[in-house]
PDB file of N, CA and C in Angstrom:
ATOM      1  N   MET A   1       6.996  -7.615  15.346  1.00  0.00           N
ATOM      2  CA  MET A   1       5.832  -8.151  14.602  1.00  0.00           C
ATOM      3  C   MET A   1       4.459  -7.458  15.084  1.00  0.00           C
ATOM      4  N   LEU A   2       4.478  -6.560  16.359  1.00  0.00           N
ATOM      5  CA  LEU A   2       3.176  -5.755  16.327  1.00  0.00           C
ATOM      6  C   LEU A   2       3.201  -4.839  15.202  1.00  0.00           C
ATOM      7  N   GLY A   3       4.523  -4.069  15.355  1.00  0.00           N
ATOM      8  CA  GLY A   3       4.184  -2.925  14.251  1.00  0.00           C
ATOM      9  C   GLY A   3       3.783  -3.311  12.715  1.00  0.00           C
ATOM     10  N   PHE A   4       4.347  -4.739  12.139  1.00  0.00           N
ATOM     11  CA  PHE A   4       3.933  -4.967  11.095  1.00  0.00           C
ATOM     12  C   PHE A   4       2.149  -5.071  10.938  1.00  0.00           C
ATOM     13  N   LEU A   5       2.045  -5.936  12.459  1.00  0.00           N
ATOM     14  CA  LEU A   5       0.157  -5.907  12.012  1.00  0.00           C
ATOM     15  C   LEU A   5      -0.411  -4.630  12.106  1.00  0.00           C
ATOM     16  N   ILE A   6       0.025  -3.651  12.783  1.00  0.00           N
ATOM     17  CA  ILE A   6      -0.572  -2.443  13.241  1.00  0.00           C
ATOM     18  C   ILE A   6      -0.619  -1.646  11.560  1.00  0.00           C
ATOM     19  N   ARG A   7       0.883  -1.776  11.109  1.00  0.00           N
ATOM     20  CA  ARG A   7       1.032  -0.921   9.738  1.00  0.00           C
ATOM     21  C   ARG A   7       0.116  -1.748   8.417  1.00  0.00           C
ATOM     22  N   ALA A   8      -0.220  -3.075   8.717  1.00  0.00           N
ATOM     23  CA  ALA A   8      -1.193  -3.731   8.097  1.00  0.00           C
ATOM     24  C   ALA A   8      -2.607  -3.564   8.123  1.00  0.00           C
ATOM     25  N   VAL A   9      -3.061  -2.941   9.145  1.00  0.00           N
ATOM     26  CA  VAL A   9      -4.182  -2.461   9.326  1.00  0.00           C
ATOM     27  C   VAL A   9      -4.419  -1.263   8.737  1.00  0.00           C
ATOM     28  N   ILE A  10      -3.394  -0.345   9.092  1.00  0.00           N
ATOM     29  CA  ILE A  10      -3.437   0.688   8.164  1.00  0.00           C
ATOM     30  C   ILE A  10      -3.752   0.319   6.838  1.00  0.00           C
ATOM     31  N   VAL A  11      -3.014  -0.179   6.115  1.00  0.00           N
ATOM     32  CA  VAL A  11      -2.977  -0.548   4.583  1.00  0.00           C
ATOM     33  C   VAL A  11      -4.284  -0.752   4.122  1.00  0.00           C
ATOM     34  N   ALA A  12      -4.788  -1.895   5.299  1.00  0.00           N
ATOM     35  CA  ALA A  12      -5.985  -2.331   4.884  1.00  0.00           C
ATOM     36  C   ALA A  12      -7.251  -1.274   5.248  1.00  0.00           C
ATOM     37  N   LEU A  13      -7.025  -0.240   5.639  1.00  0.00           N
ATOM     38  CA  LEU A  13      -7.871   0.958   5.728  1.00  0.00           C
ATOM     39  C   LEU A  13      -7.955   1.525   4.563  1.00  0.00           C
ATOM     40  N   GLY A  14      -6.585   2.163   4.120  1.00  0.00           N
ATOM     41  CA  GLY A  14      -6.065   2.369   2.820  1.00  0.00           C
ATOM     42  C   GLY A  14      -6.999   1.529   1.482  1.00  0.00           C
ATOM     43  N   LEU A  15      -7.180   0.542   1.688  1.00  0.00           N
ATOM     44  CA  LEU A  15      -7.870  -0.109   0.972  1.00  0.00           C
ATOM     45  C   LEU A  15      -9.252  -0.119   0.770  1.00  0.00           C
ATOM     46  N   TRP A  16      -9.883  -0.304   2.006  1.00  0.00           N
ATOM     47  CA  TRP A  16     -11.193  -0.119   2.360  1.00  0.00           C
ATOM     48  C   TRP A  16     -11.476   1.368   1.515  1.00  0.00           C
ATOM     49  N   LEU A  17     -10.794   2.178   1.655  1.00  0.00           N
ATOM     50  CA  LEU A  17     -11.306   3.892   1.177  1.00  0.00           C
ATOM     51  C   LEU A  17     -11.060   3.621  -0.094  1.00  0.00           C
ATOM     52  N   ALA A  18     -10.359   2.963  -0.770  1.00  0.00           N
ATOM     53  CA  ALA A  18     -10.249   2.641  -2.072  1.00  0.00           C
ATOM     54  C   ALA A  18     -11.127   1.864  -2.618  1.00  0.00           C
ATOM     55  N   THR A  19     -11.721   0.896  -2.190  1.00  0.00           N
ATOM     56  CA  THR A  19     -12.753   0.261  -2.475  1.00  0.00           C
ATOM     57  C   THR A  19     -14.051   1.168  -2.524  1.00  0.00           C
ATOM     58  N   SER A  20     -14.279   2.275  -1.904  1.00  0.00           N
ATOM     59  CA  SER A  20     -15.287   3.233  -1.826  1.00  0.00           C
ATOM     60  C   SER A  20     -15.200   4.415  -2.812  1.00  0.00           C
ATOM     61  N   TRP A  21     -13.649   4.746  -3.352  1.00  0.00           N
ATOM     62  CA  TRP A  21     -13.254   5.657  -4.388  1.00  0.00           C
ATOM     63  C   TRP A  21     -13.213   5.182  -5.334  1.00  0.00           C
ATOM     64  N   VAL A  22     -12.122   3.910  -6.108  1.00  0.00           N
ATOM     65  CA  VAL A  22     -11.756   3.674  -7.103  1.00  0.00           C
ATOM     66  C   VAL A  22     -12.943   2.801  -7.440  1.00  0.00           C
ATOM     67  N   GLY A  23     -13.266   2.902  -9.170  1.00  0.00           N
ATOM     68  CA  GLY A  23     -14.670   2.377  -9.445  1.00  0.00           C
ATOM     69  C   GLY A  23     -14.122   0.757  -9.898  1.00  0.00           C
ATOM     70  N   GLY A  24     -12.841   0.557 -10.171  1.00  0.00           N
ATOM     71  CA  GLY A  24     -12.525  -0.811 -10.678  1.00  0.00           C
ATOM     72  C   GLY A  24     -11.795  -1.573  -9.279  1.00  0.00           C
ATOM     73  N   LEU A  25     -12.041  -1.251  -8.503  1.00  0.00           N
ATOM     74  CA  LEU A  25     -11.515  -2.359  -7.253  1.00  0.00           C
ATOM     75  C   LEU A  25     -12.455  -3.135  -6.630  1.00  0.00           C
ATOM     76  N   HIS A  26     -12.197  -4.079  -6.085  1.00  0.00           N
ATOM     77  CA  HIS A  26     -13.442  -5.060  -5.133  1.00  0.00           C
ATOM     78  C   HIS A  26     -12.727  -5.899  -4.290  1.00  0.00           C
ATOM     79  N   ILE A  27     -13.376  -5.987  -3.158  1.00  0.00           N
ATOM     80  CA  ILE A  27     -12.582  -6.698  -1.988  1.00  0.00           C
ATOM     81  C   ILE A  27     -13.589  -7.588  -1.623  1.00  0.00           C
ATOM     82  N   ASP A  28     -13.829  -8.699  -1.549  1.00  0.00           N
ATOM     83  CA  ASP A  28     -14.736  -9.428  -0.892  1.00  0.00           C
ATOM     84  C   ASP A  28     -15.428  -9.041   0.239  1.00  0.00           C
ATOM     85  N   GLY A  29     -14.577  -9.359   0.806  1.00  0.00           N
ATOM     86  CA  GLY A  29     -15.000  -8.857   2.771  1.00  0.00           C
ATOM     87  C   GLY A  29     -14.218  -8.617   3.741  1.00  0.00           C
ATOM     88  N   PRO A  30     -14.000  -8.341   5.229  1.00  0.00           N
ATOM     89  CA  PRO A  30     -13.549  -8.057   5.950  1.00  0.00           C
ATOM     90  C   PRO A  30     -12.044  -8.727   6.026  1.00  0.00           C
ATOM     91  N   ARG A  31     -12.223  -9.895   6.003  1.00  0.00           N
ATOM     92  CA  ARG A  31     -11.022 -11.063   5.982  1.00  0.00           C
ATOM     93  C   ARG A  31     -10.168 -10.883   4.650  1.00  0.00           C
ATOM     94  N   ASP A  32     -10.872 -10.798   3.488  1.00  0.00           N
ATOM     95  CA  ASP A  32     -10.078 -10.604   2.541  1.00  0.00           C
ATOM     96  C   ASP A  32      -9.186  -8.842   2.420  1.00  0.00           C
ATOM     97  N   LEU A  33     -10.090  -8.109   3.080  1.00  0.00           N
ATOM     98  CA  LEU A  33      -9.364  -6.608   3.358  1.00  0.00           C
ATOM     99  C   LEU A  33      -8.064  -7.032   4.167  1.00  0.00           C
ATOM    100  N   LEU A  34      -7.959  -7.608   5.104  1.00  0.00           N
ATOM    101  CA  LEU A  34      -6.837  -7.848   6.216  1.00  0.00           C
ATOM    102  C   LEU A  34      -6.001  -8.508   5.531  1.00  0.00           C
ATOM    103  N   LEU A  35      -6.324  -9.704   4.656  1.00  0.00           N
ATOM    104  CA  LEU A  35      -5.251 -10.459   3.819  1.00  0.00           C
ATOM    105  C   LEU A  35      -4.497  -9.464   3.015  1.00  0.00           C
ATOM    106  N   ALA A  36      -5.545  -8.862   2.317  1.00  0.00           N
ATOM    107  CA  ALA A  36      -4.597  -7.774   1.257  1.00  0.00           C
ATOM    108  C   ALA A  36      -3.747  -6.746   2.036  1.00  0.00           C
ATOM    109  N   GLY A  37      -3.906  -6.191   2.987  1.00  0.00           N
ATOM    110  CA  GLY A  37      -2.940  -5.477   3.808  1.00  0.00           C
ATOM    111  C   GLY A  37      -1.890  -6.341   4.100  1.00  0.00           C
ATOM    112  N   ILE A  38      -2.020  -7.381   4.933  1.00  0.00           N
ATOM    113  CA  ILE A  38      -0.897  -8.177   5.080  1.00  0.00           C
ATOM    114  C   ILE A  38       0.084  -8.671   3.745  1.00  0.00           C
ATOM    115  N   LEU A  39      -0.965  -9.355   2.485  1.00  0.00           N
ATOM    116  CA  LEU A  39       0.202  -9.244   1.396  1.00  0.00           C
ATOM    117  C   LEU A  39       0.714  -8.155   0.782  1.00  0.00           C
ATOM    118  N   LEU A  40       0.075  -6.983   0.705  1.00  0.00           N
ATOM    119  CA  LEU A  40       0.543  -5.942   0.057  1.00  0.00           C
ATOM    120  C   LEU A  40       1.674  -5.481   0.777  1.00  0.00           C
ATOM    121  N   GLY A  41       1.808  -5.397   2.177  1.00  0.00           N
ATOM    122  CA  GLY A  41       3.063  -5.210   3.235  1.00  0.00           C
ATOM    123  C   GLY A  41       4.314  -6.269   2.897  1.00  0.00           C
ATOM    124  N   LEU A  42       3.817  -7.402   2.794  1.00  0.00           N
ATOM    125  CA  LEU A  42       5.141  -8.709   2.152  1.00  0.00           C
ATOM    126  C   LEU A  42       5.328  -8.443   0.776  1.00  0.00           C
ATOM    127  N   VAL A  43       4.796  -8.072  -0.350  1.00  0.00           N
ATOM    128  CA  VAL A  43       5.096  -7.592  -1.450  1.00  0.00           C
ATOM    129  C   VAL A  43       6.093  -6.387  -1.510  1.00  0.00           C
ATOM    130  N   ASN A  44       5.525  -5.295  -0.595  1.00  0.00           N
ATOM    131  CA  ASN A  44       6.314  -4.109  -0.584  1.00  0.00           C
ATOM    132  C   ASN A  44       7.648  -4.188   0.247  1.00  0.00           C
ATOM    133  N   ALA A  45       7.809  -5.084   0.840  1.00  0.00           N
ATOM    134  CA  ALA A  45       8.718  -5.600   1.594  1.00  0.00           C
ATOM    135  C   ALA A  45       9.878  -6.513   0.741  1.00  0.00           C
ATOM    136  N   VAL A  46       9.246  -7.255   0.149  1.00  0.00           N
ATOM    137  CA  VAL A  46      10.252  -7.924  -0.547  1.00  0.00           C
ATOM    138  C   VAL A  46      10.450  -8.014  -2.037  1.00  0.00           C
ATOM    139  N   ILE A  47       9.331  -7.749  -2.708  1.00  0.00           N
ATOM    140  CA  ILE A  47       9.452  -7.564  -4.422  1.00  0.00           C
ATOM    141  C   ILE A  47       9.520  -6.018  -5.037  1.00  0.00           C
ATOM    142  N   ARG A  48       8.824  -5.056  -4.046  1.00  0.00           N
ATOM    143  CA  ARG A  48       9.282  -3.861  -4.172  1.00  0.00           C
ATOM    144  C   ARG A  48      10.554  -3.330  -4.440  1.00  0.00           C
ATOM    145  N   PRO A  49      11.406  -3.629  -3.381  1.00  0.00           N
ATOM    146  CA  PRO A  49      12.983  -3.278  -3.882  1.00  0.00           C
ATOM    147  C   PRO A  49      13.257  -3.516  -4.920  1.00  0.00           C
ATOM    148  N   ILE A  50      13.023  -5.082  -5.298  1.00  0.00           N
ATOM    149  CA  ILE A  50      13.711  -5.773  -6.705  1.00  0.00           C
ATOM    150  C   ILE A  50      13.443  -5.072  -7.572  1.00  0.00           C
ATOM    151  N   ALA A  51      12.383  -4.633  -7.480  1.00  0.00           N
ATOM    152  CA  ALA A  51      11.219  -4.037  -8.746  1.00  0.00           C
ATOM    153  C   ALA A  51      12.340  -2.890  -9.457  1.00  0.00           C
ATOM    154  N   ILE A  52      11.855  -1.621  -7.935  1.00  0.00           N
ATOM    155  CA  ILE A  52      12.860  -0.590  -7.645  1.00  0.00           C
ATOM    156  C   ILE A  52      13.910  -0.798  -8.251  1.00  0.00           C
ATOM    157  N   LEU A  53      15.187  -1.479  -8.155  1.00  0.00           N
ATOM    158  CA  LEU A  53      16.673  -1.760  -8.291  1.00  0.00           C
ATOM    159  C   LEU A  53      16.386  -1.826  -9.769  1.00  0.00           C
ATOM    160  N   LEU A  54      15.855  -2.781 -10.391  1.00  0.00           N
ATOM    161  CA  LEU A  54      15.434  -2.958 -11.810  1.00  0.00           C
ATOM    162  C   LEU A  54      15.289  -2.002 -12.643  1.00  0.00           C
ATOM    163  N   THR A  55      14.649  -1.114 -12.291  1.00  0.00           N
ATOM    164  CA  THR A  55      13.670  -0.043 -13.060  1.00  0.00           C
ATOM    165  C   THR A  55      14.436   1.638 -12.714  1.00  0.00           C
ATOM    166  N   LEU A  56      15.742   1.395 -11.875  1.00  0.00           N
ATOM    167  CA  LEU A  56      16.210   2.582 -11.454  1.00  0.00           C
ATOM    168  C   LEU A  56      16.555   3.611 -12.510  1.00  0.00           C
ATOM    169  N   PRO A  57      16.765   3.207 -13.686  1.00  0.00           N
ATOM    170  CA  PRO A  57      17.149   4.123 -15.153  1.00  0.00           C
ATOM    171  C   PRO A  57      15.898   4.393 -15.322  1.00  0.00           C
ATOM    172  N   MET A  58      14.914   3.958 -15.435  1.00  0.00           N
ATOM    173  CA  MET A  58      13.586   4.550 -15.731  1.00  0.00           C
ATOM    174  C   MET A  58      12.753   5.612 -14.692  1.00  0.00           C
ATOM    175  N   THR A  59      13.286   5.344 -13.595  1.00  0.00           N
ATOM    176  CA  THR A  59      12.810   6.229 -12.301  1.00  0.00           C
ATOM    177  C   THR A  59      13.693   7.316 -12.504  1.00  0.00           C
ATOM    178  N   LEU A  60      14.987   7.545 -12.795  1.00  0.00           N
ATOM    179  CA  LEU A  60      15.630   8.504 -12.321  1.00  0.00           C
ATOM    180  C   LEU A  60      15.487   9.507 -13.643  1.00  0.00           C
ATOM    181  N   VAL A  61      15.119   9.024 -14.804  1.00  0.00           N
ATOM    182  CA  VAL A  61      14.639   9.468 -16.117  1.00  0.00           C
ATOM    183  C   VAL A  61      13.188  10.499 -15.466  1.00  0.00           C
ATOM    184  N   THR A  62      12.499   9.679 -14.809  1.00  0.00           N
ATOM    185  CA  THR A  62      11.317  10.210 -14.873  1.00  0.00           C
ATOM    186  C   THR A  62      11.286  11.439 -13.491  1.00  0.00           C
ATOM    187  N   LEU A  63      12.298  11.219 -13.041  1.00  0.00           N
ATOM    188  CA  LEU A  63      12.202  12.226 -11.356  1.00  0.00           C
ATOM    189  C   LEU A  63      11.363  11.237 -10.880  1.00  0.00           C
ATOM    190  N   GLY A  64      11.536   9.632 -10.642  1.00  0.00           N
ATOM    191  CA  GLY A  64      10.844   9.510  -9.754  1.00  0.00           C
ATOM    192  C   GLY A  64       9.445   8.983  -9.843  1.00  0.00           C
ATOM    193  N   LEU A  65       8.515   9.833 -10.585  1.00  0.00           N
ATOM    194  CA  LEU A  65       7.357   9.385 -11.082  1.00  0.00           C
ATOM    195  C   LEU A  65       7.155   8.045 -11.586  1.00  0.00           C
ATOM    196  N   PHE A  66       8.092   7.064 -11.694  1.00  0.00           N
ATOM    197  CA  PHE A  66       8.226   5.644 -12.029  1.00  0.00           C
ATOM    198  C   PHE A  66       7.536   5.088 -11.001  1.00  0.00           C
ATOM    199  N   LEU A  67       7.892   5.226  -9.767  1.00  0.00           N
ATOM    200  CA  LEU A  67       7.555   4.778  -8.562  1.00  0.00           C
ATOM    201  C   LEU A  67       6.241   4.540  -8.663  1.00  0.00           C
ATOM    202  N   LEU A  68       5.211   5.539  -8.963  1.00  0.00           N
ATOM    203  CA  LEU A  68       3.612   5.556  -8.837  1.00  0.00           C
ATOM    204  C   LEU A  68       3.239   3.914  -9.562  1.00  0.00           C
ATOM    205  N   VAL A  69       4.020   3.593 -11.048  1.00  0.00           N
ATOM    206  CA  VAL A  69       3.992   2.886 -11.631  1.00  0.00           C
ATOM    207  C   VAL A  69       4.160   1.694 -10.903  1.00  0.00           C
ATOM    208  N   ILE A  70       5.337   1.341 -10.185  1.00  0.00           N
ATOM    209  CA  ILE A  70       5.920   0.388  -9.919  1.00  0.00           C
ATOM    210  C   ILE A  70       4.583   0.112  -8.221  1.00  0.00           C
ATOM    211  N   ASN A  71       4.240   0.919  -7.635  1.00  0.00           N
ATOM    212  CA  ASN A  71       3.259   0.555  -6.537  1.00  0.00           C
ATOM    213  C   ASN A  71       1.493   0.288  -7.202  1.00  0.00           C
ATOM    214  N   ALA A  72       1.509   0.685  -8.489  1.00  0.00           N
ATOM    215  CA  ALA A  72       0.364   0.236  -8.947  1.00  0.00           C
ATOM    216  C   ALA A  72       0.657  -1.346  -9.175  1.00  0.00           C
ATOM    217  N   GLY A  73       1.641  -1.443  -9.616  1.00  0.00           N
ATOM    218  CA  GLY A  73       2.006  -2.950  -9.866  1.00  0.00           C
ATOM    219  C   GLY A  73       1.974  -4.031  -8.855  1.00  0.00           C
ATOM    220  N   MET A  74       2.439  -3.624  -7.659  1.00  0.00           N
ATOM    221  CA  MET A  74       2.196  -4.273  -6.799  1.00  0.00           C
ATOM    222  C   MET A  74       0.998  -4.434  -6.194  1.00  0.00           C
ATOM    223  N   VAL A  75       0.006  -3.588  -5.985  1.00  0.00           N
ATOM    224  CA  VAL A  75      -1.474  -3.558  -5.873  1.00  0.00           C
ATOM    225  C   VAL A  75      -1.794  -4.809  -6.950  1.00  0.00           C
ATOM    226  N   ALA A  76      -1.440  -4.686  -8.390  1.00  0.00           N
ATOM    227  CA  ALA A  76      -1.694  -5.477  -9.228  1.00  0.00           C
ATOM    228  C   ALA A  76      -1.631  -7.128  -8.795  1.00  0.00           C
ATOM    229  N   LEU A  77      -0.101  -6.943  -8.585  1.00  0.00           N
ATOM    230  CA  LEU A  77       0.226  -8.402  -7.974  1.00  0.00           C
ATOM    231  C   LEU A  77      -0.284  -8.781  -6.903  1.00  0.00           C
ATOM    232  N   VAL A  78      -0.556  -8.309  -5.947  1.00  0.00           N
ATOM    233  CA  VAL A  78      -1.425  -8.721  -4.563  1.00  0.00           C
ATOM    234  C   VAL A  78      -2.981  -9.000  -5.279  1.00  0.00           C
ATOM    235  N   ALA A  79      -3.710  -8.564  -6.153  1.00  0.00           N
ATOM    236  CA  ALA A  79      -4.812  -8.962  -6.870  1.00  0.00           C
ATOM    237  C   ALA A  79      -4.538  -9.995  -7.205  1.00  0.00           C
ATOM    238  N   TRP A  80      -3.624 -10.234  -7.952  1.00  0.00           N
ATOM    239  CA  TRP A  80      -3.439 -11.667  -8.665  1.00  0.00           C
ATOM    240  C   TRP A  80      -3.251 -12.531  -7.772  1.00  0.00           C
ATOM    241  N   MET A  81      -2.688 -12.454  -6.798  1.00  0.00           N
ATOM    242  CA  MET A  81      -2.353 -13.635  -5.777  1.00  0.00           C
ATOM    243  C   MET A  81      -3.747 -14.210  -4.749  1.00  0.00           C
ATOM    244  N   LEU A  82      -4.201 -12.779  -4.222  1.00  0.00           N
ATOM    245  CA  LEU A  82      -5.590 -13.186  -3.856  1.00  0.00           C
ATOM    246  C   LEU A  82      -7.006 -13.122  -4.379  1.00  0.00           C
ATOM    247  N   PRO A  83      -7.270 -14.153  -4.490  1.00  0.00           N
ATOM    248  CA  PRO A  83      -8.740 -14.495  -5.241  1.00  0.00           C
ATOM    249  C   PRO A  83      -9.856 -13.672  -4.653  1.00  0.00           C
ATOM    250  N   GLY A  84      -9.948 -13.063  -3.788  1.00  0.00           N
ATOM    251  CA  GLY A  84     -10.729 -12.149  -2.971  1.00  0.00           C
ATOM    252  C   GLY A  84     -10.652 -10.745  -3.319  1.00  0.00           C
ATOM    253  N   MET A  85      -9.910 -10.502  -4.296  1.00  0.00           N
ATOM    254  CA  MET A  85      -9.668  -9.308  -4.823  1.00  0.00           C
ATOM    255  C   MET A  85      -9.769  -8.928  -6.105  1.00  0.00           C
ATOM    256  N   GLN A  86     -10.031  -8.029  -6.717  1.00  0.00           N
ATOM    257  CA  GLN A  86     -10.125  -7.899  -8.339  1.00  0.00           C
ATOM    258  C   GLN A  86     -10.121  -6.403  -8.306  1.00  0.00           C
ATOM    259  N   VAL A  87      -9.060  -6.362  -9.284  1.00  0.00           N
ATOM    260  CA  VAL A  87      -8.548  -4.941  -9.853  1.00  0.00           C
ATOM    261  C   VAL A  87      -8.953  -4.982 -11.148  1.00  0.00           C
ATOM    262  N   ALA A  88      -9.531  -4.015 -11.697  1.00  0.00           N
ATOM    263  CA  ALA A  88     -10.214  -3.786 -13.144  1.00  0.00           C
ATOM    264  C   ALA A  88      -9.103  -3.194 -14.292  1.00  0.00           C
ATOM    265  N   GLY A  89      -8.264  -2.760 -13.871  1.00  0.00           N
ATOM    266  CA  GLY A  89      -6.993  -2.695 -15.165  1.00  0.00           C
ATOM    267  C   GLY A  89      -5.967  -1.532 -14.003  1.00  0.00           C
ATOM    268  N   PHE A  90      -4.873  -1.286 -15.295  1.00  0.00           N
ATOM    269  CA  PHE A  90      -4.154  -0.367 -14.657  1.00  0.00           C
ATOM    270  C   PHE A  90      -4.414   0.870 -13.723  1.00  0.00           C
ATOM    271  N   TRP A  91      -5.319   1.557 -14.312  1.00  0.00           N
ATOM    272  CA  TRP A  91      -5.434   3.185 -13.749  1.00  0.00           C
ATOM    273  C   TRP A  91      -6.432   2.583 -12.349  1.00  0.00           C
ATOM    274  N   ALA A  92      -6.994   1.544 -12.132  1.00  0.00           N
ATOM    275  CA  ALA A  92      -7.775   1.044 -11.179  1.00  0.00           C
ATOM    276  C   ALA A  92      -6.614   1.122  -9.915  1.00  0.00           C
ATOM    277  N   ALA A  93      -5.483   0.224 -10.257  1.00  0.00           N
ATOM    278  CA  ALA A  93      -4.885  -0.041  -9.635  1.00  0.00           C
ATOM    279  C   ALA A  93      -3.777   1.133  -9.101  1.00  0.00           C
ATOM    280  N   PHE A  94      -3.496   2.129  -9.914  1.00  0.00           N
ATOM    281  CA  PHE A  94      -3.060   3.243  -9.896  1.00  0.00           C
ATOM    282  C   PHE A  94      -3.335   4.008  -8.928  1.00  0.00           C
ATOM    283  N   TRP A  95      -4.485   4.158  -8.675  1.00  0.00           N
ATOM    284  CA  TRP A  95      -5.474   5.385  -7.969  1.00  0.00           C
ATOM    285  C   TRP A  95      -5.361   4.411  -6.671  1.00  0.00           C
ATOM    286  N   THR A  96      -5.649   3.076  -6.718  1.00  0.00           N
ATOM    287  CA  THR A  96      -5.726   2.598  -5.377  1.00  0.00           C
ATOM    288  C   THR A  96      -4.451   2.659  -4.868  1.00  0.00           C
ATOM    289  N   ALA A  97      -2.967   1.864  -5.335  1.00  0.00           N
ATOM    290  CA  ALA A  97      -2.028   2.751  -4.823  1.00  0.00           C
ATOM    291  C   ALA A  97      -1.586   3.893  -4.308  1.00  0.00           C
ATOM    292  N   LEU A  98      -2.085   5.414  -5.315  1.00  0.00           N
ATOM    293  CA  LEU A  98      -1.658   6.401  -4.494  1.00  0.00           C
ATOM    294  C   LEU A  98      -2.771   6.403  -3.388  1.00  0.00           C
ATOM    295  N   ILE A  99      -3.896   6.029  -3.347  1.00  0.00           N
ATOM    296  CA  ILE A  99      -4.832   6.121  -1.709  1.00  0.00           C
ATOM    297  C   ILE A  99      -4.132   5.514  -0.767  1.00  0.00           C
ATOM    298  N   VAL A 100      -3.894   4.621  -1.089  1.00  0.00           N
ATOM    299  CA  VAL A 100      -3.038   3.272   0.059  1.00  0.00           C
ATOM    300  C   VAL A 100      -1.978   4.162   0.402  1.00  0.00           C
ATOM    301  N   SER A 101      -1.188   4.681  -0.512  1.00  0.00           N
ATOM    302  CA  SER A 101       0.109   5.474   0.145  1.00  0.00           C
ATOM    303  C   SER A 101      -0.122   6.728   1.086  1.00  0.00           C
ATOM    304  N   LEU A 102      -1.084   7.379   0.406  1.00  0.00           N
ATOM    305  CA  LEU A 102      -1.469   8.476   1.264  1.00  0.00           C
ATOM    306  C   LEU A 102      -2.037   8.250   2.705  1.00  0.00           C
ATOM    307  N   VAL A 103      -3.055   7.476   2.784  1.00  0.00           N
ATOM    308  CA  VAL A 103      -3.124   6.835   3.911  1.00  0.00           C
ATOM    309  C   VAL A 103      -2.505   6.478   4.813  1.00  0.00           C
ATOM    310  N   SER A 104      -1.472   5.514   4.337  1.00  0.00           N
ATOM    311  CA  SER A 104       0.031   4.756   4.751  1.00  0.00           C
ATOM    312  C   SER A 104       0.548   6.030   5.279  1.00  0.00           C
ATOM    313  N   MET A 105       0.671   7.158   4.471  1.00  0.00           N
ATOM    314  CA  MET A 105       1.844   8.206   5.246  1.00  0.00           C
ATOM    315  C   MET A 105       1.040   8.844   6.168  1.00  0.00           C
ATOM    316  N   ALA A 106      -0.062   8.873   5.947  1.00  0.00           N
ATOM    317  CA  ALA A 106      -0.975   9.559   7.338  1.00  0.00           C
ATOM    318  C   ALA A 106      -1.044   8.894   8.680  1.00  0.00           C
ATOM    319  N   GLY A 107      -0.881   7.616   8.373  1.00  0.00           N
ATOM    320  CA  GLY A 107      -0.643   6.602   9.457  1.00  0.00           C
ATOM    321  C   GLY A 107       0.473   6.374  10.378  1.00  0.00           C
ATOM    322  N   SER A 108       1.583   6.550   9.722  1.00  0.00           N
ATOM    323  CA  SER A 108       2.753   6.673   9.778  1.00  0.00           C
ATOM    324  C   SER A 108       3.346   7.768  10.640  1.00  0.00           C
ATOM    325  N   TRP A 109       2.762   9.028  10.556  1.00  0.00           N
ATOM    326  CA  TRP A 109       2.422  10.089  11.434  1.00  0.00           C
ATOM    327  C   TRP A 109       2.464   9.960  12.804  1.00  0.00           C
ATOM    328  N   PHE A 110       1.640   8.943  12.782  1.00  0.00           N
ATOM    329  CA  PHE A 110       1.112   8.811  14.552  1.00  0.00           C
ATOM    330  C   PHE A 110       1.551   7.389  15.164  1.00  0.00           C
ATOM    331  N   ILE A 111       2.395   6.346  13.972  1.00  0.00           N
ATOM    332  CA  ILE A 111       2.887   5.282  14.559  1.00  0.00           C
ATOM    333  C   ILE A 111       4.477   5.376  14.494  1.00  0.00           C
ATOM    334  N   GLY A 112       5.527   5.405  15.572  1.00  0.00           N
ATOM    335  CA  GLY A 112       6.878   5.171  15.568  1.00  0.00           C
ATOM    336  C   GLY A 112       7.192   3.919  14.770  1.00  0.00           C
ATOM    337  N   PRO A 113       8.376   4.305  14.343  1.00  0.00           N
ATOM    338  CA  PRO A 113       9.532   3.174  13.821  1.00  0.00           C
ATOM    339  C   PRO A 113       9.010   1.943  14.260  1.00  0.00           C
ATOM    340  N   LYS A 114       9.067   1.234  15.665  1.00  0.00           N
ATOM    341  CA  LYS A 114       8.809   0.343  16.495  1.00  0.00           C
ATOM    342  C   LYS A 114       7.208  -0.177  16.111  1.00  0.00           C
ATOM    343  N   GLY A 115       6.178   0.588  15.650  1.00  0.00           N
ATOM    344  CA  GLY A 115       4.941   0.108  15.595  1.00  0.00           C
ATOM    345  C   GLY A 115       4.197   0.510  16.953  1.00  0.00           C
ATOM    346  N   ARG A 116       4.907   1.521  17.388  1.00  0.00           N
ATOM    347  CA  ARG A 116       3.613   2.079  18.701  1.00  0.00           C
ATOM    348  C   ARG A 116       3.662   3.474  18.610  1.00  0.00           C
ATOM    349  N   PHE A 117       2.219   4.087  18.898  1.00  0.00           N
ATOM    350  CA  PHE A 117       1.450   5.020  18.771  1.00  0.00           C
ATOM    351  C   PHE A 117       2.564   5.911  19.600  1.00  0.00           C
ATOM    352  N   GLU A 118       2.804   7.110  18.910  1.00  0.00           N
ATOM    353  CA  GLU A 118       3.934   8.238  19.464  1.00  0.00           C
ATOM    354  C   GLU A 118       3.019   9.496  19.986  1.00  0.00           C
ATOM    355  N   ILE A 119       3.242   9.787  21.469  1.00  0.00           N
ATOM    356  CA  ILE A 119       2.671  11.115  21.961  1.00  0.00           C
ATOM    357  C   ILE A 119       4.008  12.118  22.002  1.00  0.00           C
ATOM    358  N   ILE A 120       3.236  12.912  21.023  1.00  0.00           N
ATOM    359  CA  ILE A 120       4.483  14.253  20.699  1.00  0.00           C
ATOM    360  C   ILE A 120       3.780  15.519  22.400  1.00  0.00           C
ATOM    361  N   VAL A 121       4.687  15.699  23.221  1.00  0.00           N
ATOM    362  CA  VAL A 121       4.866  16.184  24.177  1.00  0.00           C
ATOM    363  C   VAL A 121       5.111  17.773  23.611  1.00  0.00           C
ATOM    364  N   LYS A 122       4.948  18.661  23.904  1.00  0.00           N
ATOM    365  CA  LYS A 122       5.724  20.444  23.560  1.00  0.00           C
ATOM    366  C   LYS A 122       5.843  20.722  25.050  1.00  0.00           C
ATOM    367  N   LYS A 123       7.286  21.030  25.448  1.00  0.00           N
ATOM    368  CA  LYS A 123       7.369  21.807  26.516  1.00  0.00           C
ATOM    369  C   LYS A 123       7.891  23.170  26.290  1.00  0.00           C
ATOM    370  N   ASN A 124       7.221  23.669  27.324  1.00  0.00           N
ATOM    371  CA  ASN A 124       7.580  25.073  27.254  1.00  0.00           C
ATOM    372  C   ASN A 124       9.006  25.763  27.976  1.00  0.00           C
TER     373      ASN A 124
END
């Protein structure tokens, strides 16, 4: 549970950066930002695998680039479900998903699979 909450905070950080950089994204306040991070984590855990399975032929034909469209759809779905989050269109959702993915990837370097901060020690 702690790992999920830490990852939700990382996603919320990515959403906060996206609100600064993407023109068509607006999140009302810190509470909605954290709720959007938690909801995006739940949507990615439950609905995204189903969407990937249903669009597998298109994903294979585009060599995986269609996954960016699926990520944008998940951001748009969260904006549809959460009244405090507005996304202006596809491209705003696309760039938001890309920023959140990059921030999440960078955050995952520091957090292990169980949600604990990893300390790497080099032995001589």
